[in-house]
Amino acid sequence: MLWQRLLTAALLIPLLIWADYALASRYFALLIAAIILCGAWEWARLTGFTRPLQRPGYVLLTAAALWGALQLPLQLLLWTALAWWAIALLWVLRFPRDERTWSQPAVAGVAGMLVLVPAWRALSALHEDYGPHAVLFLLGMIWLADSAAYFTGRRWGARKLAPLVSPGKTWEGVQGAAAAALVTALAGGALAGLDAGAFALFVLLCLVTVAVSIVGDLFKSMYKRHAKVKDSGALFPGHGGVLDRIDSLTSAAPVFVLGLIYMERWL
């Protein structure tokens, strides 16, 4: 229900903002890791890991992958994530033709780690290298775009975006998300005092980031449809589970951070 969504958001957003600004980067990374591991628990459910030790085992493997991600060069991990999301988009576009491939437990398990681990490293790096303002901007932009897509789609939605994967999503919702991203990018660029060239690149980066965030949403929806569940979990009343809240962010964060890195090189 809408009132549950609003109440949950009203409680969680101030806590997240506090954590963003109050915690040192190492502790912020630990907090995000805890959220990611909750997401891994839910992902294990979506992929059919139902035996007693399978879900805890998958969470432990994801925790090990988080540690392993710290040993890799950041840009290598981000480029790997970008390549991965291209594959994920292909699976979404071809749904359900490749279902026998991506629904296999081993493939689905690796896919979950490719969804979650680079996102954690990207958010941790964003906080450490660019500061709490950058994290708040990314979170705000993605969640405003999600909300704009939801309300625009409900009000004007007519043309289905991916009817076999997520029947509720529409092209009108995508337009609403793009409009929200544009407004957020313009405001963020103005507040940052960017010059004309940097401003234009930043706006473009934000639009691309939000476009890729939709892929993350659809990819998670694809696995939910395979598992025949409405939500990934029930942790947040009106919002579902952790994955339902961070699906867009998992694909957006690596793209956004990689874009910022190359903006610094070019300008």
C-alpha atoms as a PDB file:
ATOM      1  CA  MET A   1       0.000   0.000   0.000  1.00  0.00           C
ATOM      2  CA  LEU A   2       1.110   3.545  -0.730  1.00  0.00           C
ATOM      3  CA  TRP A   3       0.944   4.701   2.882  1.00  0.00           C
ATOM      4  CA  GLN A   4       3.208   1.819   3.919  1.00  0.00           C
ATOM      5  CA  ARG A   5       5.716   2.748   1.222  1.00  0.00           C
ATOM      6  CA  LEU A   6       5.747   6.368   2.365  1.00  0.00           C
ATOM      7  CA  LEU A   7       6.011   5.499   6.069  1.00  0.00           C
ATOM      8  CA  THR A   8       8.857   3.057   5.512  1.00  0.00           C
ATOM      9  CA  ALA A   9      10.703   5.596   3.364  1.00  0.00           C
ATOM     10  CA  ALA A  10      10.170   8.310   5.994  1.00  0.00           C
ATOM     11  CA  LEU A  11      11.824   6.091   8.599  1.00  0.00           C
ATOM     12  CA  LEU A  12      14.675   4.708   6.511  1.00  0.00           C
ATOM     13  CA  ILE A  13      15.826   7.778   4.593  1.00  0.00           C
ATOM     14  CA  PRO A  14      16.899   9.826   7.667  1.00  0.00           C
ATOM     15  CA  LEU A  15      18.763   6.795   9.047  1.00  0.00           C
ATOM     16  CA  LEU A  16      20.588   6.305   5.771  1.00  0.00           C
ATOM     17  CA  ILE A  17      21.516   9.976   5.517  1.00  0.00           C
ATOM     18  CA  TRP A  18      22.812   9.889   9.084  1.00  0.00           C
ATOM     19  CA  ALA A  19      24.929   6.817   8.331  1.00  0.00           C
ATOM     20  CA  ASP A  20      26.261   8.396   5.137  1.00  0.00           C
ATOM     21  CA  TYR A  21      27.532  11.484   6.934  1.00  0.00           C
ATOM     22  CA  ALA A  22      28.300  10.151  10.412  1.00  0.00           C
ATOM     23  CA  LEU A  23      30.264   7.017   9.565  1.00  0.00           C
ATOM     24  CA  ALA A  24      33.856   6.942   8.411  1.00  0.00           C
ATOM     25  CA  SER A  25      34.287   5.296   5.027  1.00  0.00           C
ATOM     26  CA  ARG A  26      35.456   1.957   6.450  1.00  0.00           C
ATOM     27  CA  TYR A  27      32.386   1.704   8.677  1.00  0.00           C
ATOM     28  CA  PHE A  28      30.114   2.864   5.891  1.00  0.00           C
ATOM     29  CA  ALA A  29      31.555   0.067   3.748  1.00  0.00           C
ATOM     30  CA  LEU A  30      30.771  -2.428   6.521  1.00  0.00           C
ATOM     31  CA  LEU A  31      27.198  -1.161   6.718  1.00  0.00           C
ATOM     32  CA  ILE A  32      26.742  -1.507   2.967  1.00  0.00           C
ATOM     33  CA  ALA A  33      28.327  -4.967   3.153  1.00  0.00           C
ATOM     34  CA  ALA A  34      25.714  -5.998   5.725  1.00  0.00           C
ATOM     35  CA  ILE A  35      22.958  -4.770   3.401  1.00  0.00           C
ATOM     36  CA  ILE A  36      24.538  -6.608   0.479  1.00  0.00           C
ATOM     37  CA  LEU A  37      24.678  -9.836   2.487  1.00  0.00           C
ATOM     38  CA  CYS A  38      20.984  -9.473   3.307  1.00  0.00           C
ATOM     39  CA  GLY A  39      20.477  -9.138  -0.428  1.00  0.00           C
ATOM     40  CA  ALA A  40      22.524 -12.316  -0.943  1.00  0.00           C
ATOM     41  CA  TRP A  41      20.210 -14.165   1.452  1.00  0.00           C
ATOM     42  CA  GLU A  42      17.219 -13.073  -0.622  1.00  0.00           C
ATOM     43  CA  TRP A  43      18.966 -13.864  -3.899  1.00  0.00           C
ATOM     44  CA  ALA A  44      19.590 -17.411  -2.705  1.00  0.00           C
ATOM     45  CA  ARG A  45      15.853 -17.787  -2.224  1.00  0.00           C
ATOM     46  CA  LEU A  46      15.104 -16.495  -5.725  1.00  0.00           C
ATOM     47  CA  THR A  47      17.565 -18.913  -7.278  1.00  0.00           C
ATOM     48  CA  GLY A  48      16.160 -21.991  -5.540  1.00  0.00           C
ATOM     49  CA  PHE A  49      18.721 -22.556  -2.789  1.00  0.00           C
ATOM     50  CA  THR A  50      16.219 -24.113  -0.384  1.00  0.00           C
ATOM     51  CA  ARG A  51      18.212 -26.761   1.472  1.00  0.00           C
ATOM     52  CA  PRO A  52      19.112 -25.932   5.102  1.00  0.00           C
ATOM     53  CA  LEU A  53      22.761 -24.999   4.515  1.00  0.00           C
ATOM     54  CA  GLN A  54      22.531 -23.602   1.008  1.00  0.00           C
ATOM     55  CA  ARG A  55      21.359 -20.085   1.829  1.00  0.00           C
ATOM     56  CA  PRO A  56      23.813 -19.502   4.721  1.00  0.00           C
ATOM     57  CA  GLY A  57      26.533 -21.009   2.552  1.00  0.00           C
ATOM     58  CA  TYR A  58      25.736 -18.628  -0.278  1.00  0.00           C
ATOM     59  CA  VAL A  59      25.874 -15.669   2.098  1.00  0.00           C
ATOM     60  CA  LEU A  60      29.290 -16.814   3.335  1.00  0.00           C
ATOM     61  CA  LEU A  61      30.531 -17.192  -0.236  1.00  0.00           C
ATOM     62  CA  THR A  62      29.290 -13.683  -1.003  1.00  0.00           C
ATOM     63  CA  ALA A  63      31.114 -12.360   2.062  1.00  0.00           C
ATOM     64  CA  ALA A  64      34.293 -14.018   0.800  1.00  0.00           C
ATOM     65  CA  ALA A  65      33.699 -12.449  -2.614  1.00  0.00           C
ATOM     66  CA  LEU A  66      33.392  -9.021  -0.979  1.00  0.00           C
ATOM     67  CA  TRP A  67      36.795  -9.507   0.618  1.00  0.00           C
ATOM     68  CA  GLY A  68      38.187 -10.752  -2.678  1.00  0.00           C
ATOM     69  CA  ALA A  69      36.852  -7.672  -4.458  1.00  0.00           C
ATOM     70  CA  LEU A  70      39.117  -5.529  -2.298  1.00  0.00           C
ATOM     71  CA  GLN A  71      42.126  -7.313  -3.745  1.00  0.00           C
ATOM     72  CA  LEU A  72      41.200  -6.372  -7.332  1.00  0.00           C
ATOM     73  CA  PRO A  73      41.884  -3.032  -9.037  1.00  0.00           C
ATOM     74  CA  LEU A  74      38.742  -0.921  -8.777  1.00  0.00           C
ATOM     75  CA  GLN A  75      38.511  -0.104 -12.477  1.00  0.00           C
ATOM     76  CA  LEU A  76      38.914  -3.759 -13.478  1.00  0.00           C
ATOM     77  CA  LEU A  77      36.005  -4.676 -11.229  1.00  0.00           C
ATOM     78  CA  LEU A  78      33.857  -1.828 -12.562  1.00  0.00           C
ATOM     79  CA  TRP A  79      34.545  -2.735 -16.196  1.00  0.00           C
ATOM     80  CA  THR A  80      33.726  -6.345 -15.364  1.00  0.00           C
ATOM     81  CA  ALA A  81      30.440  -5.153 -13.891  1.00  0.00           C
ATOM     82  CA  LEU A  82      29.708  -3.147 -17.028  1.00  0.00           C
ATOM     83  CA  ALA A  83      30.312  -6.200 -19.219  1.00  0.00           C
ATOM     84  CA  TRP A  84      28.169  -8.281 -16.913  1.00  0.00           C
ATOM     85  CA  TRP A  85      25.221  -5.889 -17.132  1.00  0.00           C
ATOM     86  CA  ALA A  86      25.423  -6.066 -20.926  1.00  0.00           C
ATOM     87  CA  ILE A  87      24.959  -9.840 -20.634  1.00  0.00           C
ATOM     88  CA  ALA A  88      22.134  -9.333 -18.138  1.00  0.00           C
ATOM     89  CA  LEU A  89      20.400  -6.972 -20.561  1.00  0.00           C
ATOM     90  CA  LEU A  90      20.655  -9.604 -23.290  1.00  0.00           C
ATOM     91  CA  TRP A  91      19.009 -12.180 -21.032  1.00  0.00           C
ATOM     92  CA  VAL A  92      16.226  -9.746 -20.178  1.00  0.00           C
ATOM     93  CA  LEU A  93      15.613  -8.944 -23.844  1.00  0.00           C
ATOM     94  CA  ARG A  94      15.555 -12.638 -24.743  1.00  0.00           C
ATOM     95  CA  PHE A  95      13.349 -13.718 -21.837  1.00  0.00           C
ATOM     96  CA  PRO A  96      12.228 -16.478 -21.514  1.00  0.00           C
ATOM     97  CA  ARG A  97      14.364 -18.091 -24.234  1.00  0.00           C
ATOM     98  CA  ASP A  98      17.550 -18.386 -22.144  1.00  0.00           C
ATOM     99  CA  GLU A  99      15.784 -19.398 -18.940  1.00  0.00           C
ATOM    100  CA  ARG A 100      17.296 -22.875 -18.906  1.00  0.00           C
ATOM    101  CA  THR A 101      20.738 -21.260 -18.801  1.00  0.00           C
ATOM    102  CA  TRP A 102      20.392 -18.483 -16.236  1.00  0.00           C
ATOM    103  CA  SER A 103      18.084 -20.467 -13.941  1.00  0.00           C
ATOM    104  CA  GLN A 104      20.695 -23.155 -13.282  1.00  0.00           C
ATOM    105  CA  PRO A 105      21.754 -22.818  -9.623  1.00  0.00           C
ATOM    106  CA  ALA A 106      25.458 -22.425 -10.403  1.00  0.00           C
ATOM    107  CA  VAL A 107      24.840 -19.757 -13.050  1.00  0.00           C
ATOM    108  CA  ALA A 108      22.298 -17.955 -10.880  1.00  0.00           C
ATOM    109  CA  GLY A 109      24.666 -18.015  -7.917  1.00  0.00           C
ATOM    110  CA  VAL A 110      27.479 -16.422  -9.911  1.00  0.00           C
ATOM    111  CA  ALA A 111      25.023 -13.924 -11.383  1.00  0.00           C
ATOM    112  CA  GLY A 112      23.984 -12.847  -7.900  1.00  0.00           C
ATOM    113  CA  MET A 113      27.573 -12.151  -6.925  1.00  0.00           C
ATOM    114  CA  LEU A 114      28.131 -10.171 -10.120  1.00  0.00           C
ATOM    115  CA  VAL A 115      25.065  -8.130  -9.209  1.00  0.00           C
ATOM    116  CA  LEU A 116      25.962  -7.513  -5.572  1.00  0.00           C
ATOM    117  CA  VAL A 117      29.739  -7.461  -5.176  1.00  0.00           C
ATOM    118  CA  PRO A 118      30.713  -4.734  -7.692  1.00  0.00           C
ATOM    119  CA  ALA A 119      27.881  -2.568  -6.366  1.00  0.00           C
ATOM    120  CA  TRP A 120      29.324  -2.801  -2.864  1.00  0.00           C
ATOM    121  CA  ARG A 121      32.824  -1.932  -4.035  1.00  0.00           C
ATOM    122  CA  ALA A 122      31.483   0.965  -6.111  1.00  0.00           C
ATOM    123  CA  LEU A 123      29.487   2.472  -3.235  1.00  0.00           C
ATOM    124  CA  SER A 124      32.413   2.039  -0.849  1.00  0.00           C
ATOM    125  CA  ALA A 125      34.776   3.749  -3.298  1.00  0.00           C
ATOM    126  CA  LEU A 126      32.262   6.513  -3.954  1.00  0.00           C
ATOM    127  CA  HIS A 127      32.079   7.303  -0.239  1.00  0.00           C
ATOM    128  CA  GLU A 128      35.833   7.141   0.290  1.00  0.00           C
ATOM    129  CA  ASP A 129      36.984   8.954  -2.861  1.00  0.00           C
ATOM    130  CA  TYR A 130      34.171  11.439  -3.485  1.00  0.00           C
ATOM    131  CA  GLY A 131      32.555  11.829  -0.079  1.00  0.00           C
ATOM    132  CA  PRO A 132      29.100  11.525   1.499  1.00  0.00           C
ATOM    133  CA  HIS A 133      27.623  14.164  -0.827  1.00  0.00           C
ATOM    134  CA  ALA A 134      28.314  11.952  -3.848  1.00  0.00           C
ATOM    135  CA  VAL A 135      26.705   8.929  -2.194  1.00  0.00           C
ATOM    136  CA  LEU A 136      23.642  10.946  -1.225  1.00  0.00           C
ATOM    137  CA  PHE A 137      23.381  12.312  -4.753  1.00  0.00           C
ATOM    138  CA  LEU A 138      23.502   8.863  -6.343  1.00  0.00           C
ATOM    139  CA  LEU A 139      21.007   7.359  -3.906  1.00  0.00           C
ATOM    140  CA  GLY A 140      18.693  10.336  -4.265  1.00  0.00           C
ATOM    141  CA  MET A 141      18.849  10.318  -8.056  1.00  0.00           C
ATOM    142  CA  ILE A 142      18.154   6.587  -8.350  1.00  0.00           C
ATOM    143  CA  TRP A 143      15.322   6.553  -5.855  1.00  0.00           C
ATOM    144  CA  LEU A 144      13.755   9.721  -7.268  1.00  0.00           C
ATOM    145  CA  ALA A 145      13.937   8.157 -10.722  1.00  0.00           C
ATOM    146  CA  ASP A 146      12.341   4.966  -9.376  1.00  0.00           C
ATOM    147  CA  SER A 147       9.555   6.957  -7.741  1.00  0.00           C
ATOM    148  CA  ALA A 148       9.000   9.059 -10.857  1.00  0.00           C
ATOM    149  CA  ALA A 149       8.805   5.896 -12.961  1.00  0.00           C
ATOM    150  CA  TYR A 150       6.306   4.371 -10.540  1.00  0.00           C
ATOM    151  CA  PHE A 151       3.954   7.342 -10.352  1.00  0.00           C
ATOM    152  CA  THR A 152       4.282   8.305 -14.021  1.00  0.00           C
ATOM    153  CA  GLY A 153       3.623   4.735 -15.047  1.00  0.00           C
ATOM    154  CA  ARG A 154       0.564   4.496 -12.830  1.00  0.00           C
ATOM    155  CA  ARG A 155      -0.870   7.752 -14.151  1.00  0.00           C
ATOM    156  CA  TRP A 156       0.014   7.660 -17.845  1.00  0.00           C
ATOM    157  CA  GLY A 157       1.458   4.209 -18.484  1.00  0.00           C
ATOM    158  CA  ALA A 158       0.194   2.621 -21.692  1.00  0.00           C
ATOM    159  CA  ARG A 159       3.114   1.086 -23.603  1.00  0.00           C
ATOM    160  CA  LYS A 160       4.657  -1.910 -21.855  1.00  0.00           C
ATOM    161  CA  LEU A 161       8.428  -1.852 -21.428  1.00  0.00           C
ATOM    162  CA  ALA A 162       9.037  -5.567 -20.861  1.00  0.00           C
ATOM    163  CA  PRO A 163       5.654  -7.267 -20.547  1.00  0.00           C
ATOM    164  CA  LEU A 164       7.033 -10.779 -20.133  1.00  0.00           C
ATOM    165  CA  VAL A 165       9.472  -9.750 -17.407  1.00  0.00           C
ATOM    166  CA  SER A 166       7.657  -6.995 -15.509  1.00  0.00           C
ATOM    167  CA  PRO A 167       4.173  -6.190 -16.853  1.00  0.00           C
ATOM    168  CA  GLY A 168       3.782  -3.119 -14.649  1.00  0.00           C
ATOM    169  CA  LYS A 169       6.708  -1.215 -16.157  1.00  0.00           C
ATOM    170  CA  THR A 170       6.004   1.108 -19.073  1.00  0.00           C
ATOM    171  CA  TRP A 171       7.860   3.360 -21.484  1.00  0.00           C
ATOM    172  CA  GLU A 172       6.009   6.299 -19.934  1.00  0.00           C
ATOM    173  CA  GLY A 173       7.551   5.305 -16.617  1.00  0.00           C
ATOM    174  CA  VAL A 174      10.978   5.319 -18.260  1.00  0.00           C
ATOM    175  CA  GLN A 175      10.300   8.847 -19.490  1.00  0.00           C
ATOM    176  CA  GLY A 176       9.360   9.873 -15.965  1.00  0.00           C
ATOM    177  CA  ALA A 177      12.586   8.373 -14.638  1.00  0.00           C
ATOM    178  CA  ALA A 178      14.612  10.187 -17.306  1.00  0.00           C
ATOM    179  CA  ALA A 179      12.941  13.488 -16.435  1.00  0.00           C
ATOM    180  CA  ALA A 180      13.716  12.997 -12.746  1.00  0.00           C
ATOM    181  CA  ALA A 181      17.321  12.111 -13.592  1.00  0.00           C
ATOM    182  CA  LEU A 182      17.674  15.206 -15.756  1.00  0.00           C
ATOM    183  CA  VAL A 183      16.338  17.529 -13.060  1.00  0.00           C
ATOM    184  CA  THR A 184      18.538  15.897 -10.417  1.00  0.00           C
ATOM    185  CA  ALA A 185      21.612  16.084 -12.653  1.00  0.00           C
ATOM    186  CA  LEU A 186      21.025  19.742 -13.479  1.00  0.00           C
ATOM    187  CA  ALA A 187      20.617  20.579  -9.807  1.00  0.00           C
ATOM    188  CA  GLY A 188      23.654  18.540  -8.794  1.00  0.00           C
ATOM    189  CA  GLY A 189      25.856  19.997 -11.504  1.00  0.00           C
ATOM    190  CA  ALA A 190      24.817  23.531 -10.610  1.00  0.00           C
ATOM    191  CA  LEU A 191      25.460  22.997  -6.890  1.00  0.00           C
ATOM    192  CA  ALA A 192      28.872  21.499  -7.664  1.00  0.00           C
ATOM    193  CA  GLY A 193      29.794  24.559  -9.743  1.00  0.00           C
ATOM    194  CA  LEU A 194      30.882  22.535 -12.776  1.00  0.00           C
ATOM    195  CA  ASP A 195      32.076  24.329 -15.887  1.00  0.00           C
ATOM    196  CA  ALA A 196      30.206  23.876 -19.173  1.00  0.00           C
ATOM    197  CA  GLY A 197      32.123  20.827 -20.399  1.00  0.00           C
ATOM    198  CA  ALA A 198      32.039  19.005 -17.084  1.00  0.00           C
ATOM    199  CA  PHE A 199      28.389  19.959 -16.629  1.00  0.00           C
ATOM    200  CA  ALA A 200      27.390  18.401 -19.952  1.00  0.00           C
ATOM    201  CA  LEU A 201      29.340  15.203 -19.254  1.00  0.00           C
ATOM    202  CA  PHE A 202      27.862  14.963 -15.772  1.00  0.00           C
ATOM    203  CA  VAL A 203      24.300  15.268 -17.065  1.00  0.00           C
ATOM    204  CA  LEU A 204      25.028  12.614 -19.696  1.00  0.00           C
ATOM    205  CA  LEU A 205      26.535  10.328 -17.055  1.00  0.00           C
ATOM    206  CA  CYS A 206      23.461  10.708 -14.864  1.00  0.00           C
ATOM    207  CA  LEU A 207      21.103   9.865 -17.717  1.00  0.00           C
ATOM    208  CA  VAL A 208      23.155   6.796 -18.653  1.00  0.00           C
ATOM    209  CA  THR A 209      23.313   5.739 -15.005  1.00  0.00           C
ATOM    210  CA  VAL A 210      19.540   5.862 -14.626  1.00  0.00           C
ATOM    211  CA  ALA A 211      19.073   4.004 -17.913  1.00  0.00           C
ATOM    212  CA  VAL A 212      21.338   1.216 -16.666  1.00  0.00           C
ATOM    213  CA  SER A 213      19.527   1.213 -13.319  1.00  0.00           C
ATOM    214  CA  ILE A 214      16.414   0.037 -15.157  1.00  0.00           C
ATOM    215  CA  VAL A 215      18.346  -3.020 -16.335  1.00  0.00           C
ATOM    216  CA  GLY A 216      19.101  -3.911 -12.712  1.00  0.00           C
ATOM    217  CA  ASP A 217      15.427  -3.612 -11.846  1.00  0.00           C
ATOM    218  CA  LEU A 218      14.341  -5.775 -14.781  1.00  0.00           C
ATOM    219  CA  PHE A 219      17.019  -8.389 -14.132  1.00  0.00           C
ATOM    220  CA  LYS A 220      15.852  -8.902 -10.568  1.00  0.00           C
ATOM    221  CA  SER A 221      12.243  -8.977 -11.790  1.00  0.00           C
ATOM    222  CA  MET A 222      13.222 -11.732 -14.222  1.00  0.00           C
ATOM    223  CA  TYR A 223      14.422 -13.934 -11.384  1.00  0.00           C
ATOM    224  CA  LYS A 224      11.348 -13.109  -9.298  1.00  0.00           C
ATOM    225  CA  ARG A 225       9.144 -14.171 -12.184  1.00  0.00           C
ATOM    226  CA  HIS A 226      11.099 -17.408 -12.473  1.00  0.00           C
ATOM    227  CA  ALA A 227      10.682 -18.006  -8.723  1.00  0.00           C
ATOM    228  CA  LYS A 228       6.988 -17.013  -8.922  1.00  0.00           C
ATOM    229  CA  VAL A 229       7.217 -14.475  -6.084  1.00  0.00           C
ATOM    230  CA  LYS A 230       6.028 -10.876  -5.920  1.00  0.00           C
ATOM    231  CA  ASP A 231       8.769  -9.544  -3.636  1.00  0.00           C
ATOM    232  CA  SER A 232      12.297 -10.686  -2.892  1.00  0.00           C
ATOM    233  CA  GLY A 233      11.527 -10.503   0.837  1.00  0.00           C
ATOM    234  CA  ALA A 234       9.343  -8.802   3.420  1.00  0.00           C
ATOM    235  CA  LEU A 235      11.805  -6.732   5.434  1.00  0.00           C
ATOM    236  CA  PHE A 236      10.379  -3.335   4.449  1.00  0.00           C
ATOM    237  CA  PRO A 237       6.580  -2.924   4.667  1.00  0.00           C
ATOM    238  CA  GLY A 238       5.246  -1.670   1.352  1.00  0.00           C
ATOM    239  CA  HIS A 239       8.640  -2.065  -0.314  1.00  0.00           C
ATOM    240  CA  GLY A 240       9.356  -5.789  -0.127  1.00  0.00           C
ATOM    241  CA  GLY A 241      12.866  -6.990   0.593  1.00  0.00           C
ATOM    242  CA  VAL A 242      16.382  -5.623   0.392  1.00  0.00           C
ATOM    243  CA  LEU A 243      16.764  -6.545  -3.272  1.00  0.00           C
ATOM    244  CA  ASP A 244      13.528  -4.736  -4.068  1.00  0.00           C
ATOM    245  CA  ARG A 245      15.120  -1.562  -2.687  1.00  0.00           C
ATOM    246  CA  ILE A 246      18.619  -1.875  -4.135  1.00  0.00           C
ATOM    247  CA  ASP A 247      18.052  -3.617  -7.487  1.00  0.00           C
ATOM    248  CA  SER A 248      18.365  -0.400  -9.495  1.00  0.00           C
ATOM    249  CA  LEU A 249      21.342   0.694  -7.428  1.00  0.00           C
ATOM    250  CA  THR A 250      23.284  -2.509  -8.054  1.00  0.00           C
ATOM    251  CA  SER A 251      23.597  -1.725 -11.743  1.00  0.00           C
ATOM    252  CA  ALA A 252      23.749   2.057 -11.378  1.00  0.00           C
ATOM    253  CA  ALA A 253      26.575   2.357  -8.844  1.00  0.00           C
ATOM    254  CA  PRO A 254      29.381   0.757 -10.915  1.00  0.00           C
ATOM    255  CA  VAL A 255      28.437   2.828 -13.977  1.00  0.00           C
ATOM    256  CA  PHE A 256      28.281   6.078 -12.013  1.00  0.00           C
ATOM    257  CA  VAL A 257      31.623   5.571 -10.267  1.00  0.00           C
ATOM    258  CA  LEU A 258      33.363   4.482 -13.466  1.00  0.00           C
ATOM    259  CA  GLY A 259      31.962   7.566 -15.191  1.00  0.00           C
ATOM    260  CA  LEU A 260      33.281   9.854 -12.456  1.00  0.00           C
ATOM    261  CA  ILE A 261      36.734   8.297 -12.730  1.00  0.00           C
ATOM    262  CA  TYR A 262      36.921   8.947 -16.464  1.00  0.00           C
ATOM    263  CA  MET A 263      35.473  12.434 -16.111  1.00  0.00           C
ATOM    264  CA  GLU A 264      38.408  13.267 -13.839  1.00  0.00           C
ATOM    265  CA  ARG A 265      40.824  11.972 -16.470  1.00  0.00           C
ATOM    266  CA  TRP A 266      39.285  13.848 -19.370  1.00  0.00           C
ATOM    267  CA  LEU A 267      38.757  17.206 -17.678  1.00  0.00           C
END
